[in-house]
Amino acid sequence: MLKPAAWAKVPGTTPTEKLGRLGLIPGTTVDIRKCASITDNYGISIWLFFEEDLARGQPLESVLTEFAGVPEYERPVILVDSFLRFTRENDPSFEQTMEECPLMVEVVTTGERRGDGSGSPEPYVTCLMPFLDELDLEAESPNPGLVEIPKKP
């Protein structure tokens, strides 16, 4: 759920500008841990897709409606914080792996949607998980060059 006080302090007048200041720009890649930090600090919903055709070809609301009756961990889309919580609980070496080889996800879309239980629109981001065959474990750690995230007020 959006944290209005923290969100208000992010420079910009539109959600696109504010998300861009946080480094969430469609077409760029970002460390999944940075996505988790943004969620923690600002309460922004960041959705992680496992299927490219859904991420690029259907609106978020349509996908969420289509898979509403499917258990959370069986859907082709999940909130980033839920994905990380599940992964950390099931793989004790995950944190060390992330230090050695950061998991970079592609920002696909940014936008606004009706918040849960609220009539006002809230910002959201969709990201695409890389396919295993696209991961280069021998490559140098990526430097996404993103703007530093302002701390919570």
Protein backbone atom coordinates (compact mmCIF):
# COMPACT_ATOMS: atom_id res chain seq x y z
CA MET A 1 0.00 0.00 0.00
CA LEU A 2 1.31 3.42 -0.99
CA LYS A 3 3.05 5.46 1.71
CA PRO A 4 1.76 8.94 0.79
CA ALA A 5 4.23 10.98 2.88
CA ALA A 6 7.28 9.23 1.43
CA TRP A 7 5.85 9.27 -2.11
CA ALA A 8 5.13 13.01 -1.87
CA LYS A 9 8.82 13.71 -1.19
CA VAL A 10 9.97 12.08 -4.44
CA PRO A 11 10.72 14.84 -6.98
CA GLY A 12 8.34 15.01 -9.92
CA THR A 13 4.77 15.95 -10.70
CA THR A 14 3.54 12.74 -12.36
CA PRO A 15 3.88 9.09 -11.34
CA THR A 16 6.06 8.49 -14.42
CA GLU A 17 8.45 11.28 -13.39
CA LYS A 18 8.58 10.12 -9.77
CA LEU A 19 9.16 6.46 -10.72
CA GLY A 20 11.84 7.59 -13.15
CA ARG A 21 13.58 9.45 -10.33
CA LEU A 22 13.59 6.18 -8.42
CA GLY A 23 15.22 4.47 -11.42
CA LEU A 24 12.12 2.64 -12.63
CA ILE A 25 12.09 3.51 -16.33
CA PRO A 26 10.52 1.15 -18.90
CA GLY A 27 13.17 -0.61 -20.96
CA THR A 28 15.87 -0.45 -18.28
CA THR A 29 17.08 -3.17 -15.97
CA VAL A 30 17.20 -2.89 -12.21
CA ASP A 31 18.45 -5.07 -9.39
CA ILE A 32 15.49 -6.89 -7.88
CA ARG A 33 16.74 -5.89 -4.42
CA LYS A 34 16.36 -2.23 -5.43
CA CYS A 35 12.75 -3.00 -6.36
CA ALA A 36 12.23 -4.47 -2.88
CA SER A 37 13.76 -1.38 -1.28
CA ILE A 38 11.46 0.90 -3.27
CA THR A 39 8.47 -1.19 -2.20
CA ASP A 40 9.57 -1.00 1.44
CA ASN A 41 10.25 2.74 1.36
CA TYR A 42 7.30 3.93 -0.72
CA GLY A 43 4.71 1.15 -0.69
CA ILE A 44 4.67 0.97 -4.48
CA SER A 45 3.36 -2.29 -5.94
CA ILE A 46 6.04 -3.81 -8.14
CA TRP A 47 4.88 -6.87 -10.05
CA LEU A 48 7.26 -9.52 -11.37
CA PHE A 49 6.20 -11.43 -14.49
CA PHE A 50 7.58 -14.80 -15.50
CA GLU A 51 5.99 -14.84 -18.96
CA GLU A 52 7.05 -12.25 -21.51
CA ASP A 53 3.84 -12.38 -23.55
CA LEU A 54 1.76 -11.53 -20.48
CA ALA A 55 4.14 -8.80 -19.32
CA ARG A 56 4.22 -7.08 -22.71
CA GLY A 57 0.88 -8.04 -24.21
CA GLN A 58 -1.76 -7.64 -21.52
CA PRO A 59 -2.61 -4.86 -19.07
CA LEU A 60 -1.79 -5.63 -15.45
CA GLU A 61 -5.45 -5.48 -14.39
CA SER A 62 -6.37 -8.05 -17.04
CA VAL A 63 -3.68 -10.47 -15.88
CA LEU A 64 -4.59 -10.04 -12.21
CA THR A 65 -8.26 -10.68 -13.00
CA GLU A 66 -7.45 -13.73 -15.14
CA PHE A 67 -5.36 -15.35 -12.40
CA ALA A 68 -7.34 -14.14 -9.37
CA GLY A 69 -8.42 -17.67 -8.41
CA VAL A 70 -4.94 -19.20 -8.77
CA PRO A 71 -2.78 -19.61 -5.64
CA GLU A 72 -0.17 -16.84 -5.34
CA TYR A 73 2.89 -19.00 -5.97
CA GLU A 74 1.36 -20.69 -9.01
CA ARG A 75 0.60 -17.50 -10.94
CA PRO A 76 2.79 -16.15 -13.77
CA VAL A 77 2.92 -12.81 -11.89
CA ILE A 78 3.76 -12.05 -8.27
CA LEU A 79 4.60 -9.04 -6.16
CA VAL A 80 8.37 -8.63 -5.89
CA ASP A 81 8.33 -8.71 -2.09
CA SER A 82 6.36 -11.99 -2.08
CA PHE A 83 8.79 -13.53 -4.58
CA LEU A 84 11.82 -12.52 -2.51
CA ARG A 85 10.25 -13.69 0.76
CA PHE A 86 9.44 -17.10 -0.76
CA THR A 87 12.90 -17.44 -2.30
CA ARG A 88 14.72 -16.47 0.89
CA GLU A 89 12.66 -18.92 2.93
CA ASN A 90 13.34 -21.77 0.52
CA ASP A 91 16.98 -21.12 -0.40
CA PRO A 92 19.33 -20.26 2.48
CA SER A 93 22.09 -19.36 0.00
CA PHE A 94 19.94 -16.87 -1.91
CA GLU A 95 21.36 -13.73 -0.26
CA GLN A 96 24.93 -14.82 -0.99
CA THR A 97 24.00 -15.67 -4.57
CA MET A 98 22.47 -12.21 -4.98
CA GLU A 99 25.71 -10.62 -3.77
CA GLU A 100 27.75 -12.62 -6.27
CA CYS A 101 25.32 -12.36 -9.18
CA PRO A 102 22.60 -9.70 -8.75
CA LEU A 103 19.26 -10.62 -10.29
CA MET A 104 18.43 -7.89 -12.79
CA VAL A 105 14.84 -7.55 -13.97
CA GLU A 106 13.56 -5.47 -16.87
CA VAL A 107 11.11 -2.67 -16.12
CA VAL A 108 8.29 -3.19 -18.62
CA THR A 109 5.61 -0.68 -17.64
CA THR A 110 4.83 1.96 -15.07
CA GLY A 111 1.41 3.37 -14.42
CA GLU A 112 -1.42 3.92 -11.99
CA ARG A 113 -4.24 1.66 -10.89
CA ARG A 114 -7.00 1.78 -8.34
CA GLY A 115 -5.51 0.91 -4.98
CA ASP A 116 -6.83 -1.96 -2.91
CA GLY A 117 -9.57 -0.55 -0.72
CA SER A 118 -8.95 2.99 -1.90
CA GLY A 119 -10.61 5.06 -4.57
CA SER A 120 -7.49 7.02 -5.47
CA PRO A 121 -5.04 5.74 -8.08
CA GLU A 122 -1.72 4.30 -6.90
CA PRO A 123 1.49 3.90 -8.91
CA TYR A 124 2.61 0.45 -9.98
CA VAL A 125 5.48 -1.09 -11.92
CA THR A 126 5.68 -4.32 -13.90
CA CYS A 127 9.00 -6.09 -14.37
CA LEU A 128 10.03 -9.14 -16.36
CA MET A 129 12.15 -11.87 -14.84
CA PRO A 130 15.04 -12.93 -17.11
CA PHE A 131 14.90 -16.39 -18.58
CA LEU A 132 17.50 -18.82 -17.21
CA ASP A 133 19.19 -19.11 -20.59
CA GLU A 134 19.65 -15.31 -20.64
CA LEU A 135 21.60 -15.23 -17.37
CA ASP A 136 25.36 -14.88 -17.84
CA LEU A 137 26.84 -16.08 -14.58
CA GLU A 138 30.38 -15.32 -15.77
CA ALA A 139 29.69 -11.64 -16.56
CA GLU A 140 30.77 -8.80 -14.31
CA SER A 141 28.16 -7.57 -11.88
CA PRO A 142 25.92 -5.07 -13.65
CA ASN A 143 25.98 -1.41 -12.76
CA PRO A 144 22.44 -0.20 -13.38
CA GLY A 145 23.40 3.44 -12.76
CA LEU A 146 20.17 4.24 -10.98
CA VAL A 147 19.39 7.28 -8.91
CA GLU A 148 19.88 6.66 -5.20
CA ILE A 149 16.63 5.98 -3.37
CA PRO A 150 15.72 8.67 -0.87
CA LYS A 151 15.33 7.27 2.65
CA LYS A 152 12.02 7.06 4.45
CA PRO A 153 10.98 10.33 6.09
